[in-house]
Amino acid sequence: KVETDHIRLIILEADADPIIRELSL
């Protein structure tokens, strides 16, 4: 459990430009 007001998803490796359909907390 963490308290924050800002989350980031960082893609470190990908075969093509990433497309994120959903990021939910």
mmCIF file of all heavy atoms, coordinates in Angstrom:
data_MODEL
# 
_entry.id   MODEL 
# 
loop_
_atom_site.group_PDB 
_atom_site.id 
_atom_site.type_symbol 
_atom_site.label_atom_id 
_atom_site.label_alt_id 
_atom_site.label_comp_id 
_atom_site.label_asym_id 
_atom_site.label_entity_id 
_atom_site.label_seq_id 
_atom_site.pdbx_PDB_ins_code 
_atom_site.Cartn_x 
_atom_site.Cartn_y 
_atom_site.Cartn_z 
_atom_site.occupancy 
_atom_site.B_iso_or_equiv 
_atom_site.pdbx_formal_charge 
_atom_site.auth_seq_id 
_atom_site.auth_comp_id 
_atom_site.auth_asym_id 
_atom_site.auth_atom_id 
_atom_site.pdbx_PDB_model_num 
ATOM 1   N N   . LYS A 1 1  ? 0.836   -1.205 0.000   1.00 0.00 ? 1  LYS A N   1 
ATOM 2   C CA  . LYS A 1 1  ? 0.000   0.000  0.000   1.00 0.00 ? 1  LYS A CA  1 
ATOM 3   C C   . LYS A 1 1  ? 0.871   1.255  0.000   1.00 0.00 ? 1  LYS A C   1 
ATOM 4   O O   . LYS A 1 1  ? 1.845   1.374  0.754   1.00 0.00 ? 1  LYS A O   1 
ATOM 5   C CB  . LYS A 1 1  ? -0.911  -0.001 1.226   1.00 0.00 ? 1  LYS A CB  1 
ATOM 6   C CG  . LYS A 1 1  ? -1.934  1.143  1.228   1.00 0.00 ? 1  LYS A CG  1 
ATOM 7   C CD  . LYS A 1 1  ? -2.725  1.182  2.525   1.00 0.00 ? 1  LYS A CD  1 
ATOM 8   C CE  . LYS A 1 1  ? -3.605  -0.036 2.688   1.00 0.00 ? 1  LYS A CE  1 
ATOM 9   N NZ  . LYS A 1 1  ? -4.469  0.091  3.907   1.00 0.00 ? 1  LYS A NZ  1 
ATOM 10  N N   . VAL A 1 2  ? 0.503   2.175  -0.873  1.00 0.00 ? 2  VAL A N   1 
ATOM 11  C CA  . VAL A 1 2  ? 1.256   3.419  -1.010  1.00 0.00 ? 2  VAL A CA  1 
ATOM 12  C C   . VAL A 1 2  ? 0.271   4.573  -1.125  1.00 0.00 ? 2  VAL A C   1 
ATOM 13  O O   . VAL A 1 2  ? -0.830  4.421  -1.657  1.00 0.00 ? 2  VAL A O   1 
ATOM 14  C CB  . VAL A 1 2  ? 2.190   3.357  -2.252  1.00 0.00 ? 2  VAL A CB  1 
ATOM 15  C CG1 . VAL A 1 2  ? 1.396   3.201  -3.531  1.00 0.00 ? 2  VAL A CG1 1 
ATOM 16  C CG2 . VAL A 1 2  ? 3.091   4.580  -2.335  1.00 0.00 ? 2  VAL A CG2 1 
ATOM 17  N N   . GLU A 1 3  ? 0.665   5.743  -0.606  1.00 0.00 ? 3  GLU A N   1 
ATOM 18  C CA  . GLU A 1 3  ? -0.143  6.957  -0.738  1.00 0.00 ? 3  GLU A CA  1 
ATOM 19  C C   . GLU A 1 3  ? 0.557   7.907  -1.691  1.00 0.00 ? 3  GLU A C   1 
ATOM 20  O O   . GLU A 1 3  ? 1.743   8.225  -1.529  1.00 0.00 ? 3  GLU A O   1 
ATOM 21  C CB  . GLU A 1 3  ? -0.351  7.635  0.613   1.00 0.00 ? 3  GLU A CB  1 
ATOM 22  C CG  . GLU A 1 3  ? -1.266  8.852  0.519   1.00 0.00 ? 3  GLU A CG  1 
ATOM 23  C CD  . GLU A 1 3  ? -1.465  9.552  1.875   1.00 0.00 ? 3  GLU A CD  1 
ATOM 24  O OE1 . GLU A 1 3  ? -0.688  9.256  2.798   1.00 0.00 ? 3  GLU A OE1 1 
ATOM 25  O OE2 . GLU A 1 3  ? -2.379  10.388 1.977   1.00 0.00 ? 3  GLU A OE2 1 
ATOM 26  N N   . THR A 1 4  ? -0.179  8.380  -2.696  1.00 0.00 ? 4  THR A N   1 
ATOM 27  C CA  . THR A 1 4  ? 0.402   9.268  -3.704  1.00 0.00 ? 4  THR A CA  1 
ATOM 28  C C   . THR A 1 4  ? -0.708  9.978  -4.463  1.00 0.00 ? 4  THR A C   1 
ATOM 29  O O   . THR A 1 4  ? -1.882  9.568  -4.415  1.00 0.00 ? 4  THR A O   1 
ATOM 30  C CB  . THR A 1 4  ? 1.288   8.478  -4.681  1.00 0.00 ? 4  THR A CB  1 
ATOM 31  O OG1 . THR A 1 4  ? 1.953   9.393  -5.567  1.00 0.00 ? 4  THR A OG1 1 
ATOM 32  C CG2 . THR A 1 4  ? 0.478   7.502  -5.503  1.00 0.00 ? 4  THR A CG2 1 
ATOM 33  N N   . ASP A 1 5  ? -0.326  11.030 -5.190  1.00 0.00 ? 5  ASP A N   1 
ATOM 34  C CA  . ASP A 1 5  ? -1.286  11.678 -6.095  1.00 0.00 ? 5  ASP A CA  1 
ATOM 35  C C   . ASP A 1 5  ? -0.808  11.618 -7.547  1.00 0.00 ? 5  ASP A C   1 
ATOM 36  O O   . ASP A 1 5  ? -1.358  12.277 -8.419  1.00 0.00 ? 5  ASP A O   1 
ATOM 37  C CB  . ASP A 1 5  ? -1.533  13.136 -5.681  1.00 0.00 ? 5  ASP A CB  1 
ATOM 38  C CG  . ASP A 1 5  ? -0.275  14.003 -5.767  1.00 0.00 ? 5  ASP A CG  1 
ATOM 39  O OD1 . ASP A 1 5  ? 0.804   13.470 -6.114  1.00 0.00 ? 5  ASP A OD1 1 
ATOM 40  O OD2 . ASP A 1 5  ? -0.367  15.207 -5.475  1.00 0.00 ? 5  ASP A OD2 1 
ATOM 41  N N   . HIS A 1 6  ? 0.246   10.808 -7.787  1.00 0.00 ? 6  HIS A N   1 
ATOM 42  C CA  . HIS A 1 6  ? 0.807   10.752 -9.140  1.00 0.00 ? 6  HIS A CA  1 
ATOM 43  C C   . HIS A 1 6  ? 1.480   9.389  -9.353  1.00 0.00 ? 6  HIS A C   1 
ATOM 44  O O   . HIS A 1 6  ? 2.398   9.017  -8.627  1.00 0.00 ? 6  HIS A O   1 
ATOM 45  C CB  . HIS A 1 6  ? 1.814   11.892 -9.321  1.00 0.00 ? 6  HIS A CB  1 
ATOM 46  C CG  . HIS A 1 6  ? 2.325   12.044 -10.717 1.00 0.00 ? 6  HIS A CG  1 
ATOM 47  N ND1 . HIS A 1 6  ? 3.269   13.013 -11.072 1.00 0.00 ? 6  HIS A ND1 1 
ATOM 48  C CD2 . HIS A 1 6  ? 2.048   11.376 -11.868 1.00 0.00 ? 6  HIS A CD2 1 
ATOM 49  C CE1 . HIS A 1 6  ? 3.527   12.912 -12.364 1.00 0.00 ? 6  HIS A CE1 1 
ATOM 50  N NE2 . HIS A 1 6  ? 2.805   11.923 -12.877 1.00 0.00 ? 6  HIS A NE2 1 
ATOM 51  N N   . ILE A 1 7  ? 0.978   8.653  -10.342 1.00 0.00 ? 7  ILE A N   1 
ATOM 52  C CA  . ILE A 1 7  ? 1.538   7.358  -10.749 1.00 0.00 ? 7  ILE A CA  1 
ATOM 53  C C   . ILE A 1 7  ? 2.015   7.485  -12.188 1.00 0.00 ? 7  ILE A C   1 
ATOM 54  O O   . ILE A 1 7  ? 1.376   8.158  -13.012 1.00 0.00 ? 7  ILE A O   1 
ATOM 55  C CB  . ILE A 1 7  ? 0.470   6.241  -10.652 1.00 0.00 ? 7  ILE A CB  1 
ATOM 56  C CG1 . ILE A 1 7  ? 0.123   5.944  -9.193  1.00 0.00 ? 7  ILE A CG1 1 
ATOM 57  C CG2 . ILE A 1 7  ? 0.931   4.977  -11.365 1.00 0.00 ? 7  ILE A CG2 1 
ATOM 58  C CD1 . ILE A 1 7  ? 1.153   5.143  -8.443  1.00 0.00 ? 7  ILE A CD1 1 
ATOM 59  N N   . ARG A 1 8  ? 3.125   6.825  -12.496 1.00 0.00 ? 8  ARG A N   1 
ATOM 60  C CA  . ARG A 1 8  ? 3.522   6.804  -13.907 1.00 0.00 ? 8  ARG A CA  1 
ATOM 61  C C   . ARG A 1 8  ? 3.903   5.383  -14.310 1.00 0.00 ? 8  ARG A C   1 
ATOM 62  O O   . ARG A 1 8  ? 4.501   4.634  -13.548 1.00 0.00 ? 8  ARG A O   1 
ATOM 63  C CB  . ARG A 1 8  ? 4.676   7.771  -14.171 1.00 0.00 ? 8  ARG A CB  1 
ATOM 64  C CG  . ARG A 1 8  ? 6.006   7.433  -13.525 1.00 0.00 ? 8  ARG A CG  1 
ATOM 65  C CD  . ARG A 1 8  ? 7.025   8.529  -13.797 1.00 0.00 ? 8  ARG A CD  1 
ATOM 66  N NE  . ARG A 1 8  ? 8.344   8.179  -13.246 1.00 0.00 ? 8  ARG A NE  1 
ATOM 67  C CZ  . ARG A 1 8  ? 9.372   9.014  -13.205 1.00 0.00 ? 8  ARG A CZ  1 
ATOM 68  N NH1 . ARG A 1 8  ? 9.240   10.263 -13.671 1.00 0.00 ? 8  ARG A NH1 1 
ATOM 69  N NH2 . ARG A 1 8  ? 10.547  8.625  -12.708 1.00 0.00 ? 8  ARG A NH2 1 
ATOM 70  N N   . LEU A 1 9  ? 3.505   5.047  -15.506 1.00 0.00 ? 9  LEU A N   1 
ATOM 71  C CA  . LEU A 1 9  ? 3.848   3.770  -16.139 1.00 0.00 ? 9  LEU A CA  1 
ATOM 72  C C   . LEU A 1 9  ? 4.936   4.053  -17.167 1.00 0.00 ? 9  LEU A C   1 
ATOM 73  O O   . LEU A 1 9  ? 4.742   4.867  -18.080 1.00 0.00 ? 9  LEU A O   1 
ATOM 74  C CB  . LEU A 1 9  ? 2.617   3.162  -16.815 1.00 0.00 ? 9  LEU A CB  1 
ATOM 75  C CG  . LEU A 1 9  ? 2.843   1.941  -17.711 1.00 0.00 ? 9  LEU A CG  1 
ATOM 76  C CD1 . LEU A 1 9  ? 3.316   0.742  -16.885 1.00 0.00 ? 9  LEU A CD1 1 
ATOM 77  C CD2 . LEU A 1 9  ? 1.558   1.594  -18.471 1.00 0.00 ? 9  LEU A CD2 1 
ATOM 78  N N   . ILE A 1 10 ? 6.066   3.391  -17.015 1.00 0.00 ? 10 ILE A N   1 
ATOM 79  C CA  . ILE A 1 10 ? 7.182   3.583  -17.937 1.00 0.00 ? 10 ILE A CA  1 
ATOM 80  C C   . ILE A 1 10 ? 7.429   2.287  -18.691 1.00 0.00 ? 10 ILE A C   1 
ATOM 81  O O   . ILE A 1 10 ? 7.646   1.232  -18.079 1.00 0.00 ? 10 ILE A O   1 
ATOM 82  C CB  . ILE A 1 10 ? 8.456   4.016  -17.186 1.00 0.00 ? 10 ILE A CB  1 
ATOM 83  C CG1 . ILE A 1 10 ? 8.215   5.361  -16.490 1.00 0.00 ? 10 ILE A CG1 1 
ATOM 84  C CG2 . ILE A 1 10 ? 9.640   4.123  -18.142 1.00 0.00 ? 10 ILE A CG2 1 
ATOM 85  C CD1 . ILE A 1 10 ? 9.383   5.824  -15.652 1.00 0.00 ? 10 ILE A CD1 1 
ATOM 86  N N   . ILE A 1 11 ? 7.373   2.349  -20.008 1.00 0.00 ? 11 ILE A N   1 
ATOM 87  C CA  . ILE A 1 11 ? 7.641   1.194  -20.849 1.00 0.00 ? 11 ILE A CA  1 
ATOM 88  C C   . ILE A 1 11 ? 9.135   1.174  -21.143 1.00 0.00 ? 11 ILE A C   1 
ATOM 89  O O   . ILE A 1 11 ? 9.672   2.094  -21.761 1.00 0.00 ? 11 ILE A O   1 
ATOM 90  C CB  . ILE A 1 11 ? 6.830   1.240  -22.162 1.00 0.00 ? 11 ILE A CB  1 
ATOM 91  C CG1 . ILE A 1 11 ? 5.349   1.497  -21.869 1.00 0.00 ? 11 ILE A CG1 1 
ATOM 92  C CG2 . ILE A 1 11 ? 7.036   -0.048 -22.944 1.00 0.00 ? 11 ILE A CG2 1 
ATOM 93  C CD1 . ILE A 1 11 ? 4.702   0.520  -20.920 1.00 0.00 ? 11 ILE A CD1 1 
ATOM 94  N N   . LEU A 1 12 ? 9.790   0.120  -20.696 1.00 0.00 ? 12 LEU A N   1 
ATOM 95  C CA  . LEU A 1 12 ? 11.244  0.026  -20.827 1.00 0.00 ? 12 LEU A CA  1 
ATOM 96  C C   . LEU A 1 12 ? 11.675  -0.642 -22.125 1.00 0.00 ? 12 LEU A C   1 
ATOM 97  O O   . LEU A 1 12 ? 12.732  -0.314 -22.668 1.00 0.00 ? 12 LEU A O   1 
ATOM 98  C CB  . LEU A 1 12 ? 11.818  -0.743 -19.631 1.00 0.00 ? 12 LEU A CB  1 
ATOM 99  C CG  . LEU A 1 12 ? 11.527  -0.123 -18.257 1.00 0.00 ? 12 LEU A CG  1 
ATOM 100 C CD1 . LEU A 1 12 ? 11.942  -1.076 -17.149 1.00 0.00 ? 12 LEU A CD1 1 
ATOM 101 C CD2 . LEU A 1 12 ? 12.226  1.221  -18.109 1.00 0.00 ? 12 LEU A CD2 1 
ATOM 102 N N   . GLU A 1 13 ? 10.869  -1.573 -22.611 1.00 0.00 ? 13 GLU A N   1 
ATOM 103 C CA  . GLU A 1 13 ? 11.159  -2.248 -23.880 1.00 0.00 ? 13 GLU A CA  1 
ATOM 104 C C   . GLU A 1 13 ? 9.845   -2.531 -24.592 1.00 0.00 ? 13 GLU A C   1 
ATOM 105 O O   . GLU A 1 13 ? 8.860   -2.908 -23.955 1.00 0.00 ? 13 GLU A O   1 
ATOM 106 C CB  . GLU A 1 13 ? 11.893  -3.576 -23.653 1.00 0.00 ? 13 GLU A CB  1 
ATOM 107 C CG  . GLU A 1 13 ? 13.292  -3.455 -23.090 1.00 0.00 ? 13 GLU A CG  1 
ATOM 108 C CD  . GLU A 1 13 ? 13.943  -4.824 -22.907 1.00 0.00 ? 13 GLU A CD  1 
ATOM 109 O OE1 . GLU A 1 13 ? 13.594  -5.752 -23.672 1.00 0.00 ? 13 GLU A OE1 1 
ATOM 110 O OE2 . GLU A 1 13 ? 14.769  -4.958 -21.991 1.00 0.00 ? 13 GLU A OE2 1 
ATOM 111 N N   . ALA A 1 14 ? 9.835   -2.364 -25.915 1.00 0.00 ? 14 ALA A N   1 
ATOM 112 C CA  . ALA A 1 14 ? 8.628   -2.636 -26.701 1.00 0.00 ? 14 ALA A CA  1 
ATOM 113 C C   . ALA A 1 14 ? 9.021   -2.921 -28.144 1.00 0.00 ? 14 ALA A C   1 
ATOM 114 O O   . ALA A 1 14 ? 10.033  -2.429 -28.636 1.00 0.00 ? 14 ALA A O   1 
ATOM 115 C CB  . ALA A 1 14 ? 7.659   -1.460 -26.637 1.00 0.00 ? 14 ALA A CB  1 
ATOM 116 N N   . ASP A 1 15 ? 8.191   -3.722 -28.811 1.00 0.00 ? 15 ASP A N   1 
ATOM 117 C CA  . ASP A 1 15 ? 8.421   -4.035 -30.217 1.00 0.00 ? 15 ASP A CA  1 
ATOM 118 C C   . ASP A 1 15 ? 7.910   -2.939 -31.149 1.00 0.00 ? 15 ASP A C   1 
ATOM 119 O O   . ASP A 1 15 ? 8.271   -2.907 -32.325 1.00 0.00 ? 15 ASP A O   1 
ATOM 120 C CB  . ASP A 1 15 ? 7.734   -5.358 -30.575 1.00 0.00 ? 15 ASP A CB  1 
ATOM 121 C CG  . ASP A 1 15 ? 8.565   -6.565 -30.165 1.00 0.00 ? 15 ASP A CG  1 
ATOM 122 O OD1 . ASP A 1 15 ? 9.805   -6.443 -30.122 1.00 0.00 ? 15 ASP A OD1 1 
ATOM 123 O OD2 . ASP A 1 15 ? 7.983   -7.621 -29.899 1.00 0.00 ? 15 ASP A OD2 1 
ATOM 124 N N   . ALA A 1 16 ? 7.025   -2.101 -30.636 1.00 0.00 ? 16 ALA A N   1 
ATOM 125 C CA  . ALA A 1 16 ? 6.482   -0.976 -31.402 1.00 0.00 ? 16 ALA A CA  1 
ATOM 126 C C   . ALA A 1 16 ? 5.915   0.013  -30.388 1.00 0.00 ? 16 ALA A C   1 
ATOM 127 O O   . ALA A 1 16 ? 5.885   -0.264 -29.182 1.00 0.00 ? 16 ALA A O   1 
ATOM 128 C CB  . ALA A 1 16 ? 5.400   -1.455 -32.372 1.00 0.00 ? 16 ALA A CB  1 
ATOM 129 N N   . ASP A 1 17 ? 5.478   1.177  -30.848 1.00 0.00 ? 17 ASP A N   1 
ATOM 130 C CA  . ASP A 1 17 ? 4.981   2.196  -29.934 1.00 0.00 ? 17 ASP A CA  1 
ATOM 131 C C   . ASP A 1 17 ? 3.853   1.634  -29.071 1.00 0.00 ? 17 ASP A C   1 
ATOM 132 O O   . ASP A 1 17 ? 2.847   1.147  -29.590 1.00 0.00 ? 17 ASP A O   1 
ATOM 133 C CB  . ASP A 1 17 ? 4.470   3.409  -30.707 1.00 0.00 ? 17 ASP A CB  1 
ATOM 134 C CG  . ASP A 1 17 ? 5.614   4.185  -31.354 1.00 0.00 ? 17 ASP A CG  1 
ATOM 135 O OD1 . ASP A 1 17 ? 6.775   3.980  -30.934 1.00 0.00 ? 17 ASP A OD1 1 
ATOM 136 O OD2 . ASP A 1 17 ? 5.337   4.993  -32.261 1.00 0.00 ? 17 ASP A OD2 1 
ATOM 137 N N   . PRO A 1 18 ? 3.981   1.708  -27.751 1.00 0.00 ? 18 PRO A N   1 
ATOM 138 C CA  . PRO A 1 18 ? 2.970   1.136  -26.852 1.00 0.00 ? 18 PRO A CA  1 
ATOM 139 C C   . PRO A 1 18 ? 1.630   1.876  -26.936 1.00 0.00 ? 18 PRO A C   1 
ATOM 140 O O   . PRO A 1 18 ? 1.592   3.106  -27.081 1.00 0.00 ? 18 PRO A O   1 
ATOM 141 C CB  . PRO A 1 18 ? 3.588   1.292  -25.466 1.00 0.00 ? 18 PRO A CB  1 
ATOM 142 C CG  . PRO A 1 18 ? 5.056   1.498  -25.706 1.00 0.00 ? 18 PRO A CG  1 
ATOM 143 C CD  . PRO A 1 18 ? 5.140   2.221  -27.006 1.00 0.00 ? 18 PRO A CD  1 
ATOM 144 N N   . ILE A 1 19 ? 0.548   1.103  -26.831 1.00 0.00 ? 19 ILE A N   1 
ATOM 145 C CA  . ILE A 1 19 ? -0.796  1.671  -26.781 1.00 0.00 ? 19 ILE A CA  1 
ATOM 146 C C   . ILE A 1 19 ? -1.477  1.100  -25.538 1.00 0.00 ? 19 ILE A C   1 
ATOM 147 O O   . ILE A 1 19 ? -1.790  -0.092 -25.488 1.00 0.00 ? 19 ILE A O   1 
ATOM 148 C CB  . ILE A 1 19 ? -1.621  1.342  -28.042 1.00 0.00 ? 19 ILE A CB  1 
ATOM 149 C CG1 . ILE A 1 19 ? -0.866  1.777  -29.306 1.00 0.00 ? 19 ILE A CG1 1 
ATOM 150 C CG2 . ILE A 1 19 ? -2.989  2.019  -27.973 1.00 0.00 ? 19 ILE A CG2 1 
ATOM 151 C CD1 . ILE A 1 19 ? -1.543  1.367  -30.599 1.00 0.00 ? 19 ILE A CD1 1 
ATOM 152 N N   . ILE A 1 20 ? -1.699  1.943  -24.546 1.00 0.00 ? 20 ILE A N   1 
ATOM 153 C CA  . ILE A 1 20 ? -2.294  1.518  -23.289 1.00 0.00 ? 20 ILE A CA  1 
ATOM 154 C C   . ILE A 1 20 ? -3.802  1.768  -23.339 1.00 0.00 ? 20 ILE A C   1 
ATOM 155 O O   . ILE A 1 20 ? -4.262  2.908  -23.415 1.00 0.00 ? 20 ILE A O   1 
ATOM 156 C CB  . ILE A 1 20 ? -1.669  2.265  -22.086 1.00 0.00 ? 20 ILE A CB  1 
ATOM 157 C CG1 . ILE A 1 20 ? -0.167  1.986  -22.015 1.00 0.00 ? 20 ILE A CG1 1 
ATOM 158 C CG2 . ILE A 1 20 ? -2.354  1.853  -20.785 1.00 0.00 ? 20 ILE A CG2 1 
ATOM 159 C CD1 . ILE A 1 20 ? 0.192   0.512  -21.860 1.00 0.00 ? 20 ILE A CD1 1 
ATOM 160 N N   . ARG A 1 21 ? -4.549  0.687  -23.285 1.00 0.00 ? 21 ARG A N   1 
ATOM 161 C CA  . ARG A 1 21 ? -6.011  0.769  -23.288 1.00 0.00 ? 21 ARG A CA  1 
ATOM 162 C C   . ARG A 1 21 ? -6.539  1.241  -21.936 1.00 0.00 ? 21 ARG A C   1 
ATOM 163 O O   . ARG A 1 21 ? -7.545  1.948  -21.855 1.00 0.00 ? 21 ARG A O   1 
ATOM 164 C CB  . ARG A 1 21 ? -6.577  -0.612 -23.624 1.00 0.00 ? 21 ARG A CB  1 
ATOM 165 C CG  . ARG A 1 21 ? -8.081  -0.741 -23.564 1.00 0.00 ? 21 ARG A CG  1 
ATOM 166 C CD  . ARG A 1 21 ? -8.477  -2.162 -23.928 1.00 0.00 ? 21 ARG A CD  1 
ATOM 167 N NE  . ARG A 1 21 ? -9.885  -2.415 -23.693 1.00 0.00 ? 21 ARG A NE  1 
ATOM 168 C CZ  . ARG A 1 21 ? -10.466 -3.590 -23.900 1.00 0.00 ? 21 ARG A CZ  1 
ATOM 169 N NH1 . ARG A 1 21 ? -9.744  -4.616 -24.349 1.00 0.00 ? 21 ARG A NH1 1 
ATOM 170 N NH2 . ARG A 1 21 ? -11.758 -3.762 -23.650 1.00 0.00 ? 21 ARG A NH2 1 
ATOM 171 N N   . GLU A 1 22 ? -5.856  0.804  -20.868 1.00 0.00 ? 22 GLU A N   1 
ATOM 172 C CA  . GLU A 1 22 ? -6.312  1.185  -19.528 1.00 0.00 ? 22 GLU A CA  1 
ATOM 173 C C   . GLU A 1 22 ? -5.176  1.080  -18.526 1.00 0.00 ? 22 GLU A C   1 
ATOM 174 O O   . GLU A 1 22 ? -4.399  0.130  -18.534 1.00 0.00 ? 22 GLU A O   1 
ATOM 175 C CB  . GLU A 1 22 ? -7.466  0.283  -19.077 1.00 0.00 ? 22 GLU A CB  1 
ATOM 176 C CG  . GLU A 1 22 ? -7.987  0.574  -17.678 1.00 0.00 ? 22 GLU A CG  1 
ATOM 177 C CD  . GLU A 1 22 ? -9.076  -0.389 -17.237 1.00 0.00 ? 22 GLU A CD  1 
ATOM 178 O OE1 . GLU A 1 22 ? -9.788  -0.936 -18.102 1.00 0.00 ? 22 GLU A OE1 1 
ATOM 179 O OE2 . GLU A 1 22 ? -9.204  -0.590 -16.015 1.00 0.00 ? 22 GLU A OE2 1 
ATOM 180 N N   . LEU A 1 23 ? -5.094  2.059  -17.669 1.00 0.00 ? 23 LEU A N   1 
ATOM 181 C CA  . LEU A 1 23 ? -4.270  2.029  -16.462 1.00 0.00 ? 23 LEU A CA  1 
ATOM 182 C C   . LEU A 1 23 ? -5.180  2.492  -15.339 1.00 0.00 ? 23 LEU A C   1 
ATOM 183 O O   . LEU A 1 23 ? -5.614  3.646  -15.317 1.00 0.00 ? 23 LEU A O   1 
ATOM 184 C CB  . LEU A 1 23 ? -3.042  2.938  -16.581 1.00 0.00 ? 23 LEU A CB  1 
ATOM 185 C CG  . LEU A 1 23 ? -2.274  3.205  -15.282 1.00 0.00 ? 23 LEU A CG  1 
ATOM 186 C CD1 . LEU A 1 23 ? -1.743  1.893  -14.686 1.00 0.00 ? 23 LEU A CD1 1 
ATOM 187 C CD2 . LEU A 1 23 ? -1.137  4.191  -15.511 1.00 0.00 ? 23 LEU A CD2 1 
ATOM 188 N N   . SER A 1 24 ? -5.508  1.564  -14.413 1.00 0.00 ? 24 SER A N   1 
ATOM 189 C CA  . SER A 1 24 ? -6.422  1.870  -13.328 1.00 0.00 ? 24 SER A CA  1 
ATOM 190 C C   . SER A 1 24 ? -5.796  1.512  -11.993 1.00 0.00 ? 24 SER A C   1 
ATOM 191 O O   . SER A 1 24 ? -5.041  0.533  -11.899 1.00 0.00 ? 24 SER A O   1 
ATOM 192 C CB  . SER A 1 24 ? -7.749  1.110  -13.485 1.00 0.00 ? 24 SER A CB  1 
ATOM 193 O OG  . SER A 1 24 ? -8.435  1.512  -14.645 1.00 0.00 ? 24 SER A OG  1 
ATOM 194 N N   . LEU A 1 25 ? -6.143  2.276  -10.964 1.00 0.00 ? 25 LEU A N   1 
ATOM 195 C CA  . LEU A 1 25 ? -5.607  2.095  -9.624  1.00 0.00 ? 25 LEU A CA  1 
ATOM 196 C C   . LEU A 1 25 ? -6.725  1.740  -8.646  1.00 0.00 ? 25 LEU A C   1 
ATOM 197 O O   . LEU A 1 25 ? -7.859  2.238  -8.774  1.00 0.00 ? 25 LEU A O   1 
ATOM 198 C CB  . LEU A 1 25 ? -4.931  3.383  -9.156  1.00 0.00 ? 25 LEU A CB  1 
ATOM 199 C CG  . LEU A 1 25 ? -3.869  3.955  -10.097 1.00 0.00 ? 25 LEU A CG  1 
ATOM 200 C CD1 . LEU A 1 25 ? -3.414  5.319  -9.609  1.00 0.00 ? 25 LEU A CD1 1 
ATOM 201 C CD2 . LEU A 1 25 ? -2.686  3.006  -10.235 1.00 0.00 ? 25 LEU A CD2 1 
# 
